[in-house]
């Protein structure tokens, strides 16, 4: 079995954050149209992206960038709606 490196651990932690946010959103405990959900996706995605710096995978990089952009845009929309 391969050893889990620190950057693998970062990627795993990011994946857990993303999946936990999604699970909580499907249960109604974390509204998907609010900042905390999108902040969790940004945090998780950032950790996954850091792991991809050390172990690149183009498909994973593309999808993480897209998810990060969507989350950032959603937060900006939320902040504008509050103003």
C-alpha atoms as a PDB file:
ATOM      1  CA  UNK A   1       0.000   0.000   0.000  1.00  0.00           C
ATOM      2  CA  UNK A   2       1.276   3.468  -0.884  1.00  0.00           C
ATOM      3  CA  UNK A   3       2.229   5.860   1.870  1.00  0.00           C
ATOM      4  CA  UNK A   4      -0.111   8.821   2.345  1.00  0.00           C
ATOM      5  CA  UNK A   5       1.899  11.998   1.984  1.00  0.00           C
ATOM      6  CA  UNK A   6       1.036  15.342   3.563  1.00  0.00           C
ATOM      7  CA  UNK A   7      -0.339  16.628   0.250  1.00  0.00           C
ATOM      8  CA  UNK A   8      -2.468  13.497  -0.125  1.00  0.00           C
ATOM      9  CA  UNK A   9      -3.813  14.197   3.370  1.00  0.00           C
ATOM     10  CA  UNK A  10      -4.646  17.773   2.337  1.00  0.00           C
ATOM     11  CA  UNK A  11      -6.563  16.496  -0.679  1.00  0.00           C
ATOM     12  CA  UNK A  12      -8.431  13.972   1.445  1.00  0.00           C
ATOM     13  CA  UNK A  13      -9.320  16.632   4.016  1.00  0.00           C
ATOM     14  CA  UNK A  14     -10.585  18.886   1.225  1.00  0.00           C
ATOM     15  CA  UNK A  15     -12.681  16.069  -0.185  1.00  0.00           C
ATOM     16  CA  UNK A  16     -14.214  15.409   3.228  1.00  0.00           C
ATOM     17  CA  UNK A  17     -15.112  19.100   3.619  1.00  0.00           C
ATOM     18  CA  UNK A  18     -16.758  19.199   0.170  1.00  0.00           C
ATOM     19  CA  UNK A  19     -18.705  15.985   0.719  1.00  0.00           C
ATOM     20  CA  UNK A  20     -19.790  17.038   4.224  1.00  0.00           C
ATOM     21  CA  UNK A  21     -21.090  20.370   2.898  1.00  0.00           C
ATOM     22  CA  UNK A  22     -22.964  18.610   0.106  1.00  0.00           C
ATOM     23  CA  UNK A  23     -24.440  16.073   2.534  1.00  0.00           C
ATOM     24  CA  UNK A  24     -25.560  18.806   4.929  1.00  0.00           C
ATOM     25  CA  UNK A  25     -27.092  20.734   2.026  1.00  0.00           C
ATOM     26  CA  UNK A  26     -29.090  17.692   0.891  1.00  0.00           C
ATOM     27  CA  UNK A  27     -30.389  17.303   4.452  1.00  0.00           C
ATOM     28  CA  UNK A  28     -31.431  20.962   4.663  1.00  0.00           C
ATOM     29  CA  UNK A  29     -28.936  21.680   7.424  1.00  0.00           C
ATOM     30  CA  UNK A  30     -26.692  23.903   5.294  1.00  0.00           C
ATOM     31  CA  UNK A  31     -28.546  25.960   2.673  1.00  0.00           C
ATOM     32  CA  UNK A  32     -26.711  25.729  -0.664  1.00  0.00           C
ATOM     33  CA  UNK A  33     -27.542  29.336  -1.518  1.00  0.00           C
ATOM     34  CA  UNK A  34     -25.771  30.751   1.531  1.00  0.00           C
ATOM     35  CA  UNK A  35     -22.187  31.803   2.176  1.00  0.00           C
ATOM     36  CA  UNK A  36     -21.201  28.981   4.617  1.00  0.00           C
ATOM     37  CA  UNK A  37     -21.931  26.286   2.020  1.00  0.00           C
ATOM     38  CA  UNK A  38     -19.904  28.056  -0.638  1.00  0.00           C
ATOM     39  CA  UNK A  39     -17.123  28.902   1.815  1.00  0.00           C
ATOM     40  CA  UNK A  40     -16.869  25.205   2.683  1.00  0.00           C
ATOM     41  CA  UNK A  41     -16.606  24.396  -1.014  1.00  0.00           C
ATOM     42  CA  UNK A  42     -13.875  27.014  -1.455  1.00  0.00           C
ATOM     43  CA  UNK A  43     -11.938  25.710   1.558  1.00  0.00           C
ATOM     44  CA  UNK A  44     -12.269  22.103   0.467  1.00  0.00           C
ATOM     45  CA  UNK A  45     -11.467  22.931  -3.144  1.00  0.00           C
ATOM     46  CA  UNK A  46      -8.403  24.910  -2.122  1.00  0.00           C
ATOM     47  CA  UNK A  47      -7.075  21.932  -0.182  1.00  0.00           C
ATOM     48  CA  UNK A  48      -7.704  19.621  -3.127  1.00  0.00           C
ATOM     49  CA  UNK A  49      -5.990  22.117  -5.455  1.00  0.00           C
ATOM     50  CA  UNK A  50      -2.953  22.257  -3.161  1.00  0.00           C
ATOM     51  CA  UNK A  51      -2.668  18.486  -3.331  1.00  0.00           C
ATOM     52  CA  UNK A  52      -2.933  18.670  -7.125  1.00  0.00           C
ATOM     53  CA  UNK A  53       0.123  20.935  -7.254  1.00  0.00           C
ATOM     54  CA  UNK A  54       2.172  17.965  -6.057  1.00  0.00           C
ATOM     55  CA  UNK A  55       0.278  15.246  -7.905  1.00  0.00           C
ATOM     56  CA  UNK A  56      -1.250  16.873 -11.008  1.00  0.00           C
ATOM     57  CA  UNK A  57      -4.348  15.488 -12.703  1.00  0.00           C
ATOM     58  CA  UNK A  58      -5.701  17.742 -15.436  1.00  0.00           C
ATOM     59  CA  UNK A  59      -9.320  16.576 -15.148  1.00  0.00           C
ATOM     60  CA  UNK A  60      -9.355  17.140 -11.392  1.00  0.00           C
ATOM     61  CA  UNK A  61      -7.713  20.547 -11.768  1.00  0.00           C
ATOM     62  CA  UNK A  62     -10.297  21.672 -14.329  1.00  0.00           C
ATOM     63  CA  UNK A  63     -13.287  20.591 -12.251  1.00  0.00           C
ATOM     64  CA  UNK A  64     -11.874  22.108  -9.054  1.00  0.00           C
ATOM     65  CA  UNK A  65     -11.231  25.439 -10.786  1.00  0.00           C
ATOM     66  CA  UNK A  66     -14.803  25.436 -12.115  1.00  0.00           C
ATOM     67  CA  UNK A  67     -16.265  24.601  -8.688  1.00  0.00           C
ATOM     68  CA  UNK A  68     -14.120  27.294  -7.049  1.00  0.00           C
ATOM     69  CA  UNK A  69     -15.299  29.887  -9.571  1.00  0.00           C
ATOM     70  CA  UNK A  70     -18.934  28.914  -9.044  1.00  0.00           C
ATOM     71  CA  UNK A  71     -18.551  29.190  -5.264  1.00  0.00           C
ATOM     72  CA  UNK A  72     -16.810  32.575  -5.468  1.00  0.00           C
ATOM     73  CA  UNK A  73     -19.509  33.919  -7.787  1.00  0.00           C
ATOM     74  CA  UNK A  74     -22.219  32.625  -5.447  1.00  0.00           C
ATOM     75  CA  UNK A  75     -20.612  34.381  -2.474  1.00  0.00           C
ATOM     76  CA  UNK A  76     -20.299  37.630  -4.433  1.00  0.00           C
ATOM     77  CA  UNK A  77     -23.981  37.374  -5.403  1.00  0.00           C
ATOM     78  CA  UNK A  78     -24.871  36.824  -1.740  1.00  0.00           C
ATOM     79  CA  UNK A  79     -22.833  39.812  -0.616  1.00  0.00           C
ATOM     80  CA  UNK A  80     -24.383  42.067  -3.285  1.00  0.00           C
ATOM     81  CA  UNK A  81     -27.862  40.967  -2.239  1.00  0.00           C
ATOM     82  CA  UNK A  82     -27.099  42.012   1.338  1.00  0.00           C
ATOM     83  CA  UNK A  83     -25.887  45.478   0.319  1.00  0.00           C
END
